[in-house]
N, C-alpha and C. Protein backbone atom coordinates (compact mmCIF):
# COMPACT_ATOMS: atom_id res chain seq x y z
N MET A 1 77.75 96.08 91.52
CA MET A 1 78.75 95.70 90.54
C MET A 1 80.04 95.29 91.24
N ILE A 2 80.80 94.53 90.55
CA ILE A 2 82.09 94.10 91.06
C ILE A 2 83.12 95.18 90.73
N ALA A 3 84.02 95.42 91.63
CA ALA A 3 85.04 96.44 91.41
C ALA A 3 85.88 96.10 90.19
N THR A 4 86.09 97.07 89.36
CA THR A 4 86.88 96.84 88.14
C THR A 4 88.30 97.36 88.28
N ASP A 5 88.64 97.93 89.41
CA ASP A 5 90.01 98.40 89.63
C ASP A 5 90.92 97.20 89.85
N THR A 6 92.20 97.43 89.68
CA THR A 6 93.18 96.38 89.90
C THR A 6 93.25 96.05 91.38
N ALA A 7 93.13 94.78 91.68
CA ALA A 7 93.19 94.35 93.08
C ALA A 7 94.60 93.87 93.39
N LYS A 8 95.02 94.13 94.60
CA LYS A 8 96.32 93.66 95.05
C LYS A 8 96.10 92.44 95.94
N ILE A 9 96.88 91.42 95.70
CA ILE A 9 96.78 90.19 96.48
C ILE A 9 98.04 90.08 97.33
N VAL A 10 97.83 89.90 98.60
CA VAL A 10 98.96 89.75 99.52
C VAL A 10 99.08 88.27 99.88
N LEU A 11 100.21 87.69 99.54
CA LEU A 11 100.47 86.30 99.89
C LEU A 11 101.20 86.28 101.23
N MET A 12 100.72 85.47 102.15
CA MET A 12 101.29 85.44 103.49
C MET A 12 102.57 84.61 103.57
N ASN A 13 102.85 83.85 102.51
CA ASN A 13 104.11 83.10 102.48
C ASN A 13 104.69 83.21 101.07
N ASP A 14 105.79 82.54 100.84
CA ASP A 14 106.47 82.66 99.56
C ASP A 14 105.99 81.67 98.50
N LYS A 15 104.93 80.95 98.78
CA LYS A 15 104.46 79.93 97.86
C LYS A 15 103.36 80.49 96.96
N LEU A 16 103.52 80.25 95.67
CA LEU A 16 102.50 80.71 94.72
C LEU A 16 101.34 79.73 94.60
N ILE A 17 101.41 78.61 95.28
CA ILE A 17 100.35 77.62 95.22
C ILE A 17 99.04 78.19 95.75
N ASN A 18 99.14 79.16 96.67
CA ASN A 18 97.93 79.78 97.21
C ASN A 18 97.21 80.63 96.18
N LEU A 19 97.91 81.01 95.13
CA LEU A 19 97.29 81.79 94.07
C LEU A 19 96.22 80.97 93.35
N ILE A 20 96.39 79.66 93.32
CA ILE A 20 95.39 78.77 92.70
C ILE A 20 94.08 78.87 93.46
N ASP A 21 94.15 78.94 94.79
CA ASP A 21 92.94 79.10 95.59
C ASP A 21 92.23 80.41 95.27
N VAL A 22 92.99 81.44 95.06
CA VAL A 22 92.40 82.74 94.72
C VAL A 22 91.70 82.66 93.37
N LEU A 23 92.31 81.99 92.41
CA LEU A 23 91.69 81.86 91.10
C LEU A 23 90.43 81.00 91.17
N ASP A 24 90.43 79.97 92.01
CA ASP A 24 89.23 79.16 92.20
C ASP A 24 88.10 79.99 92.81
N LEU A 25 88.45 80.82 93.77
CA LEU A 25 87.44 81.70 94.36
C LEU A 25 86.87 82.67 93.33
N ALA A 26 87.72 83.15 92.43
CA ALA A 26 87.26 84.06 91.38
C ALA A 26 86.29 83.36 90.44
N LYS A 27 86.55 82.10 90.11
CA LYS A 27 85.64 81.34 89.26
C LYS A 27 84.29 81.14 89.95
N GLN A 28 84.33 80.81 91.23
CA GLN A 28 83.09 80.63 91.98
C GLN A 28 82.31 81.94 92.05
N LEU A 29 83.00 83.05 92.20
CA LEU A 29 82.34 84.34 92.24
C LEU A 29 81.65 84.64 90.92
N GLN A 30 82.31 84.32 89.81
CA GLN A 30 81.71 84.54 88.50
C GLN A 30 80.44 83.71 88.34
N LYS A 31 80.48 82.44 88.73
CA LYS A 31 79.31 81.57 88.62
C LYS A 31 78.17 82.08 89.48
N THR A 32 78.48 82.48 90.70
CA THR A 32 77.45 82.99 91.60
C THR A 32 76.86 84.28 91.07
N HIS A 33 77.71 85.15 90.54
CA HIS A 33 77.23 86.42 89.99
C HIS A 33 76.31 86.18 88.80
N ARG A 34 76.66 85.24 87.94
CA ARG A 34 75.84 84.93 86.77
C ARG A 34 74.48 84.37 87.20
N LYS A 35 74.47 83.47 88.20
CA LYS A 35 73.21 82.91 88.68
C LYS A 35 72.33 83.98 89.30
N THR A 36 72.93 84.88 90.06
CA THR A 36 72.18 85.95 90.69
C THR A 36 71.59 86.88 89.65
N LEU A 37 72.36 87.19 88.64
CA LEU A 37 71.88 88.05 87.57
C LEU A 37 70.71 87.41 86.84
N LEU A 38 70.83 86.14 86.51
CA LEU A 38 69.75 85.45 85.81
C LEU A 38 68.50 85.32 86.67
N SER A 39 68.68 85.14 87.97
CA SER A 39 67.50 85.01 88.84
C SER A 39 66.75 86.33 88.95
N GLY A 40 67.35 87.42 88.58
CA GLY A 40 66.66 88.70 88.55
C GLY A 40 66.13 89.05 87.17
N VAL A 41 66.84 88.65 86.13
CA VAL A 41 66.46 89.01 84.77
C VAL A 41 65.30 88.17 84.26
N ILE A 42 65.31 86.88 84.51
CA ILE A 42 64.28 85.99 83.97
C ILE A 42 62.88 86.36 84.45
N PRO A 43 62.65 86.57 85.75
CA PRO A 43 61.30 86.99 86.16
C PRO A 43 60.90 88.35 85.59
N THR A 44 61.85 89.25 85.46
CA THR A 44 61.55 90.57 84.90
C THR A 44 61.10 90.45 83.46
N VAL A 45 61.77 89.64 82.69
CA VAL A 45 61.38 89.42 81.29
C VAL A 45 59.99 88.79 81.23
N GLY A 46 59.71 87.85 82.13
CA GLY A 46 58.39 87.23 82.17
C GLY A 46 57.29 88.23 82.50
N ILE A 47 57.55 89.12 83.43
CA ILE A 47 56.56 90.13 83.79
C ILE A 47 56.32 91.10 82.63
N ILE A 48 57.40 91.54 82.01
CA ILE A 48 57.25 92.46 80.88
C ILE A 48 56.51 91.79 79.73
N ALA A 49 56.82 90.52 79.46
CA ALA A 49 56.10 89.79 78.41
C ALA A 49 54.63 89.65 78.77
N GLY A 50 54.33 89.38 80.02
CA GLY A 50 52.94 89.26 80.44
C GLY A 50 52.18 90.55 80.29
N VAL A 51 52.82 91.66 80.57
CA VAL A 51 52.14 92.96 80.46
C VAL A 51 51.88 93.31 79.00
N PHE A 52 52.86 93.14 78.14
CA PHE A 52 52.71 93.58 76.76
C PHE A 52 52.06 92.54 75.84
N VAL A 53 52.34 91.27 76.04
CA VAL A 53 51.82 90.24 75.14
C VAL A 53 50.44 89.78 75.56
N PHE A 54 50.26 89.53 76.85
CA PHE A 54 49.00 88.96 77.31
C PHE A 54 48.08 90.00 77.94
N ASN A 55 48.44 91.27 77.87
CA ASN A 55 47.65 92.38 78.39
C ASN A 55 47.30 92.21 79.86
N ILE A 56 48.22 91.68 80.64
CA ILE A 56 48.02 91.57 82.08
C ILE A 56 48.33 92.94 82.68
N SER A 57 47.52 93.38 83.62
CA SER A 57 47.78 94.69 84.21
C SER A 57 49.04 94.64 85.06
N VAL A 58 49.69 95.76 85.18
CA VAL A 58 50.94 95.84 85.91
C VAL A 58 50.71 95.53 87.39
N SER A 59 49.56 95.90 87.92
CA SER A 59 49.29 95.64 89.34
C SER A 59 49.14 94.14 89.62
N ILE A 60 48.66 93.37 88.67
CA ILE A 60 48.53 91.92 88.85
C ILE A 60 49.89 91.25 88.68
N ALA A 61 50.66 91.73 87.72
CA ALA A 61 51.97 91.14 87.45
C ALA A 61 52.87 91.35 88.64
């Protein structure tokens, strides 16, 4: 899981323009996290459906 505590960001200079880069990285992290989650959930749902709907044994699935 991603840390839910408040994160502190240290800017190395006085420009807030670097904060935009941090926000872009956060968006990329969200997209990557969503893709990773779906790549684990979709096969699991398929296996569970195969076991219960099509009576496939768990060892084959």
